[in-house]
Amino acid sequence: MTVQFTDLSTGSSTSWNWLFGDGYTSPLKNPDHTYSAAGICAVSLEAANVIGSNMATKTGYVVVMAAPTPTPTLTIPPS
């Protein structure tokens, strides 16, 4: 599952540190991230500028569901 994240912080941020809750990070302002395992992930963004930085965390923000298991079917042609 790929998710597009958007920085909505105010001020004049010059650097970003996204933590996607699955061990991966990104320094991009508006990154895409692909989740590969099912689970509930908290997402954090630390935005910074020359004055300082601030971090916001959204708990349970991304819920990745496991792919459904296909059900096999058997078709027997008429004889």
PDB file of N, CA and C in Angstrom:
ATOM      1  N   MET A   1       0.846  -1.168   0.000  1.00  0.00           N
ATOM      2  CA  MET A   1       0.000   0.000   0.000  1.00  0.00           C
ATOM      3  C   MET A   1       0.897   1.237   0.000  1.00  0.00           C
ATOM      4  N   THR A   2       0.703   2.122  -0.972  1.00  0.00           N
ATOM      5  CA  THR A   2       1.491   3.351  -1.045  1.00  0.00           C
ATOM      6  C   THR A   2       0.640   4.521  -0.592  1.00  0.00           C
ATOM      7  N   VAL A   3       1.224   5.353   0.273  1.00  0.00           N
ATOM      8  CA  VAL A   3       0.533   6.505   0.841  1.00  0.00           C
ATOM      9  C   VAL A   3       1.309   7.767   0.495  1.00  0.00           C
ATOM     10  N   GLN A   4       0.607   8.814   0.081  1.00  0.00           N
ATOM     11  CA  GLN A   4       1.213  10.130  -0.184  1.00  0.00           C
ATOM     12  C   GLN A   4       1.037  10.971   1.076  1.00  0.00           C
ATOM     13  N   PHE A   5       2.126  11.468   1.630  1.00  0.00           N
ATOM     14  CA  PHE A   5       2.092  12.329   2.810  1.00  0.00           C
ATOM     15  C   PHE A   5       2.337  13.770   2.389  1.00  0.00           C
ATOM     16  N   THR A   6       1.666  14.704   3.062  1.00  0.00           N
ATOM     17  CA  THR A   6       1.778  16.123   2.741  1.00  0.00           C
ATOM     18  C   THR A   6       2.080  16.914   3.997  1.00  0.00           C
ATOM     19  N   ASP A   7       3.107  17.734   3.938  1.00  0.00           N
ATOM     20  CA  ASP A   7       3.462  18.626   5.046  1.00  0.00           C
ATOM     21  C   ASP A   7       2.474  19.787   5.077  1.00  0.00           C
ATOM     22  N   LEU A   8       1.720  19.892   6.165  1.00  0.00           N
ATOM     23  CA  LEU A   8       0.785  21.008   6.343  1.00  0.00           C
ATOM     24  C   LEU A   8       1.229  21.926   7.482  1.00  0.00           C
ATOM     25  N   SER A   9       2.499  21.821   7.862  1.00  0.00           N
ATOM     26  CA  SER A   9       2.996  22.663   8.949  1.00  0.00           C
ATOM     27  C   SER A   9       3.038  24.128   8.511  1.00  0.00           C
ATOM     28  N   THR A  10       2.951  25.010   9.486  1.00  0.00           N
ATOM     29  CA  THR A  10       3.015  26.443   9.204  1.00  0.00           C
ATOM     30  C   THR A  10       4.434  26.942   9.422  1.00  0.00           C
ATOM     31  N   GLY A  11       4.705  28.119   8.942  1.00  0.00           N
ATOM     32  CA  GLY A  11       6.050  28.670   9.072  1.00  0.00           C
ATOM     33  C   GLY A  11       6.869  28.357   7.832  1.00  0.00           C
ATOM     34  N   SER A  12       8.104  28.665   7.886  1.00  0.00           N
ATOM     35  CA  SER A  12       8.998  28.485   6.735  1.00  0.00           C
ATOM     36  C   SER A  12       9.949  27.332   6.999  1.00  0.00           C
ATOM     37  N   SER A  13       9.433  26.117   6.976  1.00  0.00           N
ATOM     38  CA  SER A  13      10.271  24.948   7.232  1.00  0.00           C
ATOM     39  C   SER A  13      11.322  24.802   6.144  1.00  0.00           C
ATOM     40  N   THR A  14      12.498  24.376   6.580  1.00  0.00           N
ATOM     41  CA  THR A  14      13.598  24.159   5.642  1.00  0.00           C
ATOM     42  C   THR A  14      14.080  22.706   5.665  1.00  0.00           C
ATOM     43  N   SER A  15      13.604  21.925   6.644  1.00  0.00           N
ATOM     44  CA  SER A  15      13.950  20.500   6.667  1.00  0.00           C
ATOM     45  C   SER A  15      12.803  19.718   7.295  1.00  0.00           C
ATOM     46  N   TRP A  16      12.723  18.447   6.899  1.00  0.00           N
ATOM     47  CA  TRP A  16      11.634  17.585   7.336  1.00  0.00           C
ATOM     48  C   TRP A  16      12.203  16.220   7.669  1.00  0.00           C
ATOM     49  N   ASN A  17      11.608  15.581   8.668  1.00  0.00           N
ATOM     50  CA  ASN A  17      11.974  14.211   9.010  1.00  0.00           C
ATOM     51  C   ASN A  17      10.689  13.446   9.300  1.00  0.00           C
ATOM     52  N   TRP A  18      10.275  12.651   8.322  1.00  0.00           N
ATOM     53  CA  TRP A  18       9.084  11.815   8.476  1.00  0.00           C
ATOM     54  C   TRP A  18       9.504  10.482   9.068  1.00  0.00           C
ATOM     55  N   LEU A  19       8.712   9.990  10.032  1.00  0.00           N
ATOM     56  CA  LEU A  19       8.873   8.644  10.581  1.00  0.00           C
ATOM     57  C   LEU A  19       7.557   7.924  10.294  1.00  0.00           C
ATOM     58  N   PHE A  20       7.605   6.876   9.488  1.00  0.00           N
ATOM     59  CA  PHE A  20       6.397   6.249   8.989  1.00  0.00           C
ATOM     60  C   PHE A  20       5.824   5.172   9.902  1.00  0.00           C
ATOM     61  N   GLY A  21       6.477   4.872  11.000  1.00  0.00           N
ATOM     62  CA  GLY A  21       5.947   3.908  11.954  1.00  0.00           C
ATOM     63  C   GLY A  21       6.283   2.465  11.652  1.00  0.00           C
ATOM     64  N   ASP A  22       7.050   2.245  10.585  1.00  0.00           N
ATOM     65  CA  ASP A  22       7.459   0.883  10.240  1.00  0.00           C
ATOM     66  C   ASP A  22       8.981   0.768  10.137  1.00  0.00           C
ATOM     67  N   GLY A  23       9.673   1.743  10.717  1.00  0.00           N
ATOM     68  CA  GLY A  23      11.135   1.718  10.696  1.00  0.00           C
ATOM     69  C   GLY A  23      11.756   2.532   9.574  1.00  0.00           C
ATOM     70  N   TYR A  24      10.953   3.031   8.654  1.00  0.00           N
ATOM     71  CA  TYR A  24      11.466   3.822   7.541  1.00  0.00           C
ATOM     72  C   TYR A  24      11.231   5.309   7.798  1.00  0.00           C
ATOM     73  N   THR A  25      12.085   6.139   7.196  1.00  0.00           N
ATOM     74  CA  THR A  25      12.011   7.587   7.355  1.00  0.00           C
ATOM     75  C   THR A  25      12.186   8.255   6.001  1.00  0.00           C
ATOM     76  N   SER A  26      11.922   9.564   5.956  1.00  0.00           N
ATOM     77  CA  SER A  26      12.172  10.328   4.735  1.00  0.00           C
ATOM     78  C   SER A  26      12.485  11.773   5.104  1.00  0.00           C
ATOM     79  N   PRO A  27      13.444  12.393   4.389  1.00  0.00           N
ATOM     80  CA  PRO A  27      13.744  13.813   4.588  1.00  0.00           C
ATOM     81  C   PRO A  27      12.982  14.717   3.608  1.00  0.00           C
ATOM     82  N   LEU A  28      12.097  14.138   2.793  1.00  0.00           N
ATOM     83  CA  LEU A  28      11.378  14.920   1.787  1.00  0.00           C
ATOM     84  C   LEU A  28      10.207  15.674   2.408  1.00  0.00           C
ATOM     85  N   LYS A  29       9.823  16.780   1.787  1.00  0.00           N
ATOM     86  CA  LYS A  29       8.708  17.577   2.291  1.00  0.00           C
ATOM     87  C   LYS A  29       7.381  16.836   2.149  1.00  0.00           C
ATOM     88  N   ASN A  30       7.139  16.235   1.007  1.00  0.00           N
ATOM     89  CA  ASN A  30       5.883  15.539   0.713  1.00  0.00           C
ATOM     90  C   ASN A  30       6.182  14.166   0.105  1.00  0.00           C
ATOM     91  N   PRO A  31       6.592  13.211   0.936  1.00  0.00           N
ATOM     92  CA  PRO A  31       7.022  11.924   0.390  1.00  0.00           C
ATOM     93  C   PRO A  31       5.865  10.954   0.118  1.00  0.00           C
ATOM     94  N   ASP A  32       6.158   9.972  -0.717  1.00  0.00           N
ATOM     95  CA  ASP A  32       5.338   8.771  -0.852  1.00  0.00           C
ATOM     96  C   ASP A  32       6.030   7.703  -0.019  1.00  0.00           C
ATOM     97  N   HIS A  33       5.238   6.811   0.570  1.00  0.00           N
ATOM     98  CA  HIS A  33       5.846   5.693   1.288  1.00  0.00           C
ATOM     99  C   HIS A  33       5.008   4.453   1.043  1.00  0.00           C
ATOM    100  N   THR A  34       5.678   3.346   0.771  1.00  0.00           N
ATOM    101  CA  THR A  34       5.000   2.075   0.545  1.00  0.00           C
ATOM    102  C   THR A  34       5.150   1.199   1.778  1.00  0.00           C
ATOM    103  N   TYR A  35       4.020   0.829   2.338  1.00  0.00           N
ATOM    104  CA  TYR A  35       3.992  -0.094   3.475  1.00  0.00           C
ATOM    105  C   TYR A  35       3.912  -1.514   2.929  1.00  0.00           C
ATOM    106  N   SER A  36       4.722  -2.408   3.482  1.00  0.00           N
ATOM    107  CA  SER A  36       4.769  -3.772   2.952  1.00  0.00           C
ATOM    108  C   SER A  36       4.213  -4.811   3.918  1.00  0.00           C
ATOM    109  N   ALA A  37       3.904  -4.417   5.139  1.00  0.00           N
ATOM    110  CA  ALA A  37       3.392  -5.377   6.113  1.00  0.00           C
ATOM    111  C   ALA A  37       2.125  -4.824   6.760  1.00  0.00           C
ATOM    112  N   ALA A  38       1.227  -5.727   7.094  1.00  0.00           N
ATOM    113  CA  ALA A  38      -0.017  -5.327   7.748  1.00  0.00           C
ATOM    114  C   ALA A  38       0.286  -4.794   9.144  1.00  0.00           C
ATOM    115  N   GLY A  39      -0.509  -3.832   9.583  1.00  0.00           N
ATOM    116  CA  GLY A  39      -0.350  -3.289  10.921  1.00  0.00           C
ATOM    117  C   GLY A  39      -0.914  -1.886  11.034  1.00  0.00           C
ATOM    118  N   ILE A  40      -0.872  -1.360  12.245  1.00  0.00           N
ATOM    119  CA  ILE A  40      -1.319   0.003  12.527  1.00  0.00           C
ATOM    120  C   ILE A  40      -0.069   0.818  12.823  1.00  0.00           C
ATOM    121  N   CYS A  41       0.111   1.911  12.087  1.00  0.00           N
ATOM    122  CA  CYS A  41       1.338   2.698  12.192  1.00  0.00           C
ATOM    123  C   CYS A  41       1.051   4.115  12.668  1.00  0.00           C
ATOM    124  N   ALA A  42       1.860   4.581  13.618  1.00  0.00           N
ATOM    125  CA  ALA A  42       1.859   5.988  14.013  1.00  0.00           C
ATOM    126  C   ALA A  42       2.825   6.702  13.082  1.00  0.00           C
ATOM    127  N   VAL A  43       2.433   7.868  12.602  1.00  0.00           N
ATOM    128  CA  VAL A  43       3.261   8.646  11.684  1.00  0.00           C
ATOM    129  C   VAL A  43       3.661   9.940  12.371  1.00  0.00           C
ATOM    130  N   SER A  44       4.950  10.289  12.282  1.00  0.00           N
ATOM    131  CA  SER A  44       5.451  11.525  12.878  1.00  0.00           C
ATOM    132  C   SER A  44       6.134  12.371  11.822  1.00  0.00           C
ATOM    133  N   LEU A  45       6.017  13.682  11.999  1.00  0.00           N
ATOM    134  CA  LEU A  45       6.742  14.635  11.151  1.00  0.00           C
ATOM    135  C   LEU A  45       7.419  15.647  12.057  1.00  0.00           C
ATOM    136  N   GLU A  46       8.732  15.769  11.890  1.00  0.00           N
ATOM    137  CA  GLU A  46       9.486  16.839  12.545  1.00  0.00           C
ATOM    138  C   GLU A  46       9.864  17.834  11.454  1.00  0.00           C
ATOM    139  N   ALA A  47       9.358  19.052  11.572  1.00  0.00           N
ATOM    140  CA  ALA A  47       9.678  20.123  10.624  1.00  0.00           C
ATOM    141  C   ALA A  47      10.545  21.139  11.359  1.00  0.00           C
ATOM    142  N   ALA A  48      11.548  21.664  10.658  1.00  0.00           N
ATOM    143  CA  ALA A  48      12.493  22.581  11.302  1.00  0.00           C
ATOM    144  C   ALA A  48      12.807  23.755  10.386  1.00  0.00           C
ATOM    145  N   ASN A  49      13.232  24.845  11.020  1.00  0.00           N
ATOM    146  CA  ASN A  49      13.767  26.005  10.309  1.00  0.00           C
ATOM    147  C   ASN A  49      14.848  26.612  11.196  1.00  0.00           C
ATOM    148  N   VAL A  50      15.316  27.817  10.881  1.00  0.00           N
ATOM    149  CA  VAL A  50      16.422  28.416  11.631  1.00  0.00           C
ATOM    150  C   VAL A  50      16.045  28.728  13.083  1.00  0.00           C
ATOM    151  N   ILE A  51      14.768  28.849  13.371  1.00  0.00           N
ATOM    152  CA  ILE A  51      14.322  29.162  14.732  1.00  0.00           C
ATOM    153  C   ILE A  51      14.287  27.926  15.617  1.00  0.00           C
ATOM    154  N   GLY A  52      13.965  26.784  15.034  1.00  0.00           N
ATOM    155  CA  GLY A  52      13.870  25.550  15.822  1.00  0.00           C
ATOM    156  C   GLY A  52      13.083  24.496  15.077  1.00  0.00           C
ATOM    157  N   SER A  53      12.597  23.514  15.835  1.00  0.00           N
ATOM    158  CA  SER A  53      11.843  22.436  15.224  1.00  0.00           C
ATOM    159  C   SER A  53      10.644  22.068  16.077  1.00  0.00           C
ATOM    160  N   ASN A  54       9.715  21.365  15.463  1.00  0.00           N
ATOM    161  CA  ASN A  54       8.532  20.899  16.153  1.00  0.00           C
ATOM    162  C   ASN A  54       8.146  19.561  15.554  1.00  0.00           C
ATOM    163  N   MET A  55       7.648  18.654  16.400  1.00  0.00           N
ATOM    164  CA  MET A  55       7.250  17.336  15.928  1.00  0.00           C
ATOM    165  C   MET A  55       5.782  17.092  16.258  1.00  0.00           C
ATOM    166  N   ALA A  56       5.076  16.504  15.311  1.00  0.00           N
ATOM    167  CA  ALA A  56       3.694  16.085  15.523  1.00  0.00           C
ATOM    168  C   ALA A  56       3.604  14.600  15.194  1.00  0.00           C
ATOM    169  N   THR A  57       2.853  13.870  16.025  1.00  0.00           N
ATOM    170  CA  THR A  57       2.665  12.438  15.807  1.00  0.00           C
ATOM    171  C   THR A  57       1.182  12.140  15.734  1.00  0.00           C
ATOM    172  N   LYS A  58       0.797  11.345  14.754  1.00  0.00           N
ATOM    173  CA  LYS A  58      -0.582  10.878  14.601  1.00  0.00           C
ATOM    174  C   LYS A  58      -0.579   9.375  14.877  1.00  0.00           C
ATOM    175  N   THR A  59      -1.168   8.986  16.001  1.00  0.00           N
ATOM    176  CA  THR A  59      -1.211   7.580  16.395  1.00  0.00           C
ATOM    177  C   THR A  59      -2.330   6.858  15.652  1.00  0.00           C
ATOM    178  N   GLY A  60      -2.030   5.688  15.124  1.00  0.00           N
ATOM    179  CA  GLY A  60      -3.018   4.908  14.386  1.00  0.00           C
ATOM    180  C   GLY A  60      -3.437   5.558  13.090  1.00  0.00           C
ATOM    181  N   TYR A  61      -2.576   6.397  12.538  1.00  0.00           N
ATOM    182  CA  TYR A  61      -2.905   7.179  11.345  1.00  0.00           C
ATOM    183  C   TYR A  61      -2.998   6.327  10.092  1.00  0.00           C
ATOM    184  N   VAL A  62      -2.170   5.297   9.999  1.00  0.00           N
ATOM    185  CA  VAL A  62      -2.168   4.419   8.829  1.00  0.00           C
ATOM    186  C   VAL A  62      -2.498   3.005   9.295  1.00  0.00           C
ATOM    187  N   VAL A  63      -3.502   2.403   8.664  1.00  0.00           N
ATOM    188  CA  VAL A  63      -3.871   1.017   8.942  1.00  0.00           C
ATOM    189  C   VAL A  63      -3.670   0.230   7.644  1.00  0.00           C
ATOM    190  N   VAL A  64      -2.730  -0.693   7.681  1.00  0.00           N
ATOM    191  CA  VAL A  64      -2.425  -1.504   6.506  1.00  0.00           C
ATOM    192  C   VAL A  64      -3.057  -2.875   6.722  1.00  0.00           C
ATOM    193  N   MET A  65      -3.949  -3.230   5.816  1.00  0.00           N
ATOM    194  CA  MET A  65      -4.635  -4.515   5.906  1.00  0.00           C
ATOM    195  C   MET A  65      -3.856  -5.572   5.124  1.00  0.00           C
ATOM    196  N   ALA A  66      -3.904  -6.808   5.611  1.00  0.00           N
ATOM    197  CA  ALA A  66      -3.273  -7.911   4.893  1.00  0.00           C
ATOM    198  C   ALA A  66      -4.061  -8.179   3.619  1.00  0.00           C
ATOM    199  N   ALA A  67      -3.361  -8.583   2.597  1.00  0.00           N
ATOM    200  CA  ALA A  67      -4.021  -8.926   1.336  1.00  0.00           C
ATOM    201  C   ALA A  67      -4.895 -10.152   1.554  1.00  0.00           C
ATOM    202  N   PRO A  68      -6.081 -10.167   0.955  1.00  0.00           N
ATOM    203  CA  PRO A  68      -6.946 -11.336   1.134  1.00  0.00           C
ATOM    204  C   PRO A  68      -6.333 -12.583   0.505  1.00  0.00           C
ATOM    205  N   THR A  69      -6.593 -13.712   1.124  1.00  0.00           N
ATOM    206  CA  THR A  69      -6.107 -14.976   0.584  1.00  0.00           C
ATOM    207  C   THR A  69      -7.058 -15.428  -0.510  1.00  0.00           C
ATOM    208  N   PRO A  70      -6.526 -15.711  -1.701  1.00  0.00           N
ATOM    209  CA  PRO A  70      -7.416 -16.135  -2.780  1.00  0.00           C
ATOM    210  C   PRO A  70      -8.065 -17.483  -2.463  1.00  0.00           C
ATOM    211  N   THR A  71      -9.300 -17.627  -2.886  1.00  0.00           N
ATOM    212  CA  THR A  71     -10.019 -18.879  -2.705  1.00  0.00           C
ATOM    213  C   THR A  71      -9.912 -19.678  -4.007  1.00  0.00           C
ATOM    214  N   PRO A  72      -9.311 -20.866  -3.928  1.00  0.00           N
ATOM    215  CA  PRO A  72      -9.181 -21.651  -5.160  1.00  0.00           C
ATOM    216  C   PRO A  72     -10.541 -22.190  -5.604  1.00  0.00           C
ATOM    217  N   THR A  73     -10.731 -22.262  -6.893  1.00  0.00           N
ATOM    218  CA  THR A  73     -11.955 -22.843  -7.432  1.00  0.00           C
ATOM    219  C   THR A  73     -11.578 -23.953  -8.397  1.00  0.00           C
ATOM    220  N   LEU A  74     -12.437 -24.912  -8.491  1.00  0.00           N
ATOM    221  CA  LEU A  74     -12.211 -26.035  -9.382  1.00  0.00           C
ATOM    222  C   LEU A  74     -13.406 -26.135 -10.303  1.00  0.00           C
ATOM    223  N   THR A  75     -13.153 -26.084 -11.579  1.00  0.00           N
ATOM    224  CA  THR A  75     -14.209 -26.210 -12.568  1.00  0.00           C
ATOM    225  C   THR A  75     -14.049 -27.542 -13.273  1.00  0.00           C
ATOM    226  N   ILE A  76     -15.084 -28.358 -13.204  1.00  0.00           N
ATOM    227  CA  ILE A  76     -15.052 -29.662 -13.866  1.00  0.00           C
ATOM    228  C   ILE A  76     -15.958 -29.570 -15.076  1.00  0.00           C
ATOM    229  N   PRO A  77     -15.399 -29.769 -16.266  1.00  0.00           N
ATOM    230  CA  PRO A  77     -16.227 -29.691 -17.471  1.00  0.00           C
ATOM    231  C   PRO A  77     -17.230 -30.845 -17.502  1.00  0.00           C
ATOM    232  N   PRO A  78     -18.410 -30.573 -18.077  1.00  0.00           N
ATOM    233  CA  PRO A  78     -19.389 -31.659 -18.174  1.00  0.00           C
ATOM    234  C   PRO A  78     -18.872 -32.777 -19.073  1.00  0.00           C
ATOM    235  N   SER A  79     -19.264 -34.021 -18.759  1.00  0.00           N
ATOM    236  CA  SER A  79     -18.788 -35.141 -19.570  1.00  0.00           C
ATOM    237  C   SER A  79     -19.823 -35.594 -20.565  1.00  0.00           C
TER     238      SER A  79
END
